[in-house]
Every structure is written in structure tokens, then in C-alpha cells.
C-alpha atoms as a PDB file:
ATOM      1  CA  UNK A   1       4.972  -1.695 -61.062  1.00  0.00           C
ATOM      2  CA  UNK A   2       7.004   0.809 -63.035  1.00  0.00           C
ATOM      3  CA  UNK A   3       5.848   2.519 -66.230  1.00  0.00           C
ATOM      4  CA  UNK A   4       9.011   1.522 -68.107  1.00  0.00           C
ATOM      5  CA  UNK A   5      11.715  -1.080 -67.641  1.00  0.00           C
ATOM      6  CA  UNK A   6      14.290   1.693 -68.044  1.00  0.00           C
ATOM      7  CA  UNK A   7      13.290   2.790 -64.530  1.00  0.00           C
ATOM      8  CA  UNK A   8      14.288  -0.562 -62.985  1.00  0.00           C
ATOM      9  CA  UNK A   9      17.305  -0.112 -60.746  1.00  0.00           C
ATOM     10  CA  UNK A  10      19.426  -2.904 -59.317  1.00  0.00           C
ATOM     11  CA  UNK A  11      18.490  -1.687 -55.842  1.00  0.00           C
ATOM     12  CA  UNK A  12      14.770  -2.157 -56.652  1.00  0.00           C
ATOM     13  CA  UNK A  13      15.324  -5.757 -57.695  1.00  0.00           C
ATOM     14  CA  UNK A  14      17.483  -6.596 -54.693  1.00  0.00           C
ATOM     15  CA  UNK A  15      15.021  -4.918 -52.317  1.00  0.00           C
ATOM     16  CA  UNK A  16      12.179  -7.089 -53.626  1.00  0.00           C
ATOM     17  CA  UNK A  17      14.270 -10.209 -53.011  1.00  0.00           C
ATOM     18  CA  UNK A  18      15.384  -8.870 -49.612  1.00  0.00           C
ATOM     19  CA  UNK A  19      11.743  -8.451 -48.635  1.00  0.00           C
ATOM     20  CA  UNK A  20      11.118 -12.135 -49.253  1.00  0.00           C
ATOM     21  CA  UNK A  21       9.966 -12.569 -52.845  1.00  0.00           C
ATOM     22  CA  UNK A  22      10.996 -15.939 -54.240  1.00  0.00           C
ATOM     23  CA  UNK A  23      11.451 -14.471 -57.714  1.00  0.00           C
ATOM     24  CA  UNK A  24      10.978 -11.420 -59.929  1.00  0.00           C
ATOM     25  CA  UNK A  25      10.155 -11.288 -63.631  1.00  0.00           C
ATOM     26  CA  UNK A  26      10.599  -7.956 -65.455  1.00  0.00           C
ATOM     27  CA  UNK A  27       8.687  -7.529 -68.711  1.00  0.00           C
ATOM     28  CA  UNK A  28       9.985  -4.956 -71.163  1.00  0.00           C
ATOM     29  CA  UNK A  29       9.680  -3.862 -74.778  1.00  0.00           C
ATOM     30  CA  UNK A  30      11.018  -6.057 -77.570  1.00  0.00           C
ATOM     31  CA  UNK A  31      14.654  -5.514 -78.492  1.00  0.00           C
ATOM     32  CA  UNK A  32      14.869  -2.595 -80.925  1.00  0.00           C
ATOM     33  CA  UNK A  33      11.343  -1.379 -80.147  1.00  0.00           C
ATOM     34  CA  UNK A  34      11.800   0.437 -76.840  1.00  0.00           C
ATOM     35  CA  UNK A  35       9.811   3.655 -76.553  1.00  0.00           C
ATOM     36  CA  UNK A  36      12.652   5.085 -74.440  1.00  0.00           C
ATOM     37  CA  UNK A  37      15.213   4.300 -77.162  1.00  0.00           C
ATOM     38  CA  UNK A  38      17.326   1.832 -75.174  1.00  0.00           C
ATOM     39  CA  UNK A  39      15.588   1.518 -71.813  1.00  0.00           C
ATOM     40  CA  UNK A  40      15.133  -2.213 -72.223  1.00  0.00           C
ATOM     41  CA  UNK A  41      18.871  -2.614 -72.886  1.00  0.00           C
ATOM     42  CA  UNK A  42      19.660  -0.718 -69.676  1.00  0.00           C
ATOM     43  CA  UNK A  43      17.169  -2.866 -67.775  1.00  0.00           C
ATOM     44  CA  UNK A  44      18.764  -6.020 -69.168  1.00  0.00           C
ATOM     45  CA  UNK A  45      22.215  -4.907 -67.971  1.00  0.00           C
ATOM     46  CA  UNK A  46      20.893  -4.076 -64.502  1.00  0.00           C
ATOM     47  CA  UNK A  47      19.093  -7.394 -64.195  1.00  0.00           C
ATOM     48  CA  UNK A  48      22.210  -9.296 -65.273  1.00  0.00           C
ATOM     49  CA  UNK A  49      24.263  -7.411 -62.689  1.00  0.00           C
ATOM     50  CA  UNK A  50      21.740  -8.261 -59.947  1.00  0.00           C
ATOM     51  CA  UNK A  51      21.638 -11.905 -61.117  1.00  0.00           C
ATOM     52  CA  UNK A  52      25.431 -12.175 -60.834  1.00  0.00           C
ATOM     53  CA  UNK A  53      25.277 -10.670 -57.348  1.00  0.00           C
ATOM     54  CA  UNK A  54      22.544 -13.075 -56.208  1.00  0.00           C
ATOM     55  CA  UNK A  55      24.558 -15.970 -57.597  1.00  0.00           C
ATOM     56  CA  UNK A  56      27.708 -14.856 -55.800  1.00  0.00           C
ATOM     57  CA  UNK A  57      26.002 -14.605 -52.417  1.00  0.00           C
ATOM     58  CA  UNK A  58      24.254 -17.953 -52.835  1.00  0.00           C
ATOM     59  CA  UNK A  59      20.659 -16.745 -53.142  1.00  0.00           C
ATOM     60  CA  UNK A  60      20.374 -17.878 -56.776  1.00  0.00           C
ATOM     61  CA  UNK A  61      20.603 -15.935 -60.031  1.00  0.00           C
ATOM     62  CA  UNK A  62      17.461 -17.613 -61.373  1.00  0.00           C
ATOM     63  CA  UNK A  63      15.357 -15.633 -58.922  1.00  0.00           C
ATOM     64  CA  UNK A  64      15.472 -12.754 -61.440  1.00  0.00           C
ATOM     65  CA  UNK A  65      14.353 -12.869 -65.041  1.00  0.00           C
ATOM     66  CA  UNK A  66      13.607 -10.643 -68.014  1.00  0.00           C
ATOM     67  CA  UNK A  67      11.081 -11.135 -70.796  1.00  0.00           C
ATOM     68  CA  UNK A  68      10.725  -9.013 -73.934  1.00  0.00           C
ATOM     69  CA  UNK A  69       7.267  -8.636 -75.406  1.00  0.00           C
ATOM     70  CA  UNK A  70       4.671  -6.346 -76.962  1.00  0.00           C
ATOM     71  CA  UNK A  71       0.887  -6.175 -76.867  1.00  0.00           C
ATOM     72  CA  UNK A  72       0.822  -8.754 -74.093  1.00  0.00           C
ATOM     73  CA  UNK A  73      -2.366 -10.103 -72.597  1.00  0.00           C
ATOM     74  CA  UNK A  74      -2.983 -10.963 -68.972  1.00  0.00           C
ATOM     75  CA  UNK A  75      -2.603 -14.615 -69.931  1.00  0.00           C
ATOM     76  CA  UNK A  76       0.831 -13.839 -71.381  1.00  0.00           C
ATOM     77  CA  UNK A  77       1.893 -12.174 -68.132  1.00  0.00           C
ATOM     78  CA  UNK A  78       0.567 -15.073 -66.072  1.00  0.00           C
ATOM     79  CA  UNK A  79       2.558 -17.416 -68.310  1.00  0.00           C
ATOM     80  CA  UNK A  80       5.762 -15.424 -67.745  1.00  0.00           C
ATOM     81  CA  UNK A  81       5.167 -15.534 -63.994  1.00  0.00           C
ATOM     82  CA  UNK A  82       4.614 -19.296 -64.164  1.00  0.00           C
ATOM     83  CA  UNK A  83       7.895 -19.765 -66.066  1.00  0.00           C
ATOM     84  CA  UNK A  84       9.755 -17.744 -63.430  1.00  0.00           C
ATOM     85  CA  UNK A  85       8.106 -19.822 -60.700  1.00  0.00           C
ATOM     86  CA  UNK A  86       9.340 -22.991 -62.443  1.00  0.00           C
ATOM     87  CA  UNK A  87      12.865 -21.558 -62.642  1.00  0.00           C
ATOM     88  CA  UNK A  88      12.782 -20.622 -58.945  1.00  0.00           C
ATOM     89  CA  UNK A  89      11.269 -23.898 -57.695  1.00  0.00           C
ATOM     90  CA  UNK A  90      14.573 -25.839 -57.587  1.00  0.00           C
ATOM     91  CA  UNK A  91      16.069 -23.049 -55.450  1.00  0.00           C
ATOM     92  CA  UNK A  92      13.399 -23.438 -52.787  1.00  0.00           C
ATOM     93  CA  UNK A  93      12.017 -20.625 -50.708  1.00  0.00           C
ATOM     94  CA  UNK A  94      13.948 -17.399 -50.509  1.00  0.00           C
ATOM     95  CA  UNK A  95      16.230 -17.739 -47.478  1.00  0.00           C
ATOM     96  CA  UNK A  96      15.513 -14.087 -46.618  1.00  0.00           C
ATOM     97  CA  UNK A  97      11.768 -14.717 -46.378  1.00  0.00           C
ATOM     98  CA  UNK A  98      10.407 -13.794 -42.987  1.00  0.00           C
ATOM     99  CA  UNK A  99      13.524 -11.906 -41.880  1.00  0.00           C
ATOM    100  CA  UNK A 100      12.105  -8.481 -42.779  1.00  0.00           C
ATOM    101  CA  UNK A 101       8.688  -6.920 -42.478  1.00  0.00           C
ATOM    102  CA  UNK A 102       7.213  -4.762 -45.180  1.00  0.00           C
END
């Protein structure tokens, strides 16, 4: 976990997928309400770049997602994870799963 979505780098997202995660959901501040001025906008651009890359190499762009929210509960976060799991389900298991050890 990172303290702010502005700290999310494309390499972080791709590393998580490389290590076998079926999907990743990043939760950031609402648009226009970022404590780091525009950190959520930067995160959105990085996630879109990584999604395009995953799509181009055939892993699946839907393995990465971004949600904007504020004052979220644990139930909200679980719901976002469930939505990402639903988006990833048609893609099947990550083809990189099991190829690398943590």
C-alpha cells in the first residue's frame, strides 16, 4: 500500500502483475479533491499507460483499474475489489502466475 496514488508508478503496477496477481485496483482521491493537487490525475495517466501495455502484450488491460473515492469504508474497498475481480474473471488466471517467486 502507498500513502498516496501520486506515488503509483507504472513499474509498480507491472511488477504486481508480473508477480502473479490477477488484477490490481488503485483507489485514489476524487477528481478535483486530491491532497497532492493533481496526484490522482498523474496516477490515472500511469494506470492508463500500463493498461495499454498489458493490452498490447495480450495480458489484458482489464487487469488494472482505478476508483476515485473519499471517506471510504472497508465495505467500499471490498466492493471495489469485487468489481475488479468480476472484470478480470473473463481473462482467466494471470498467465505469469507461478513463473516468479516473491
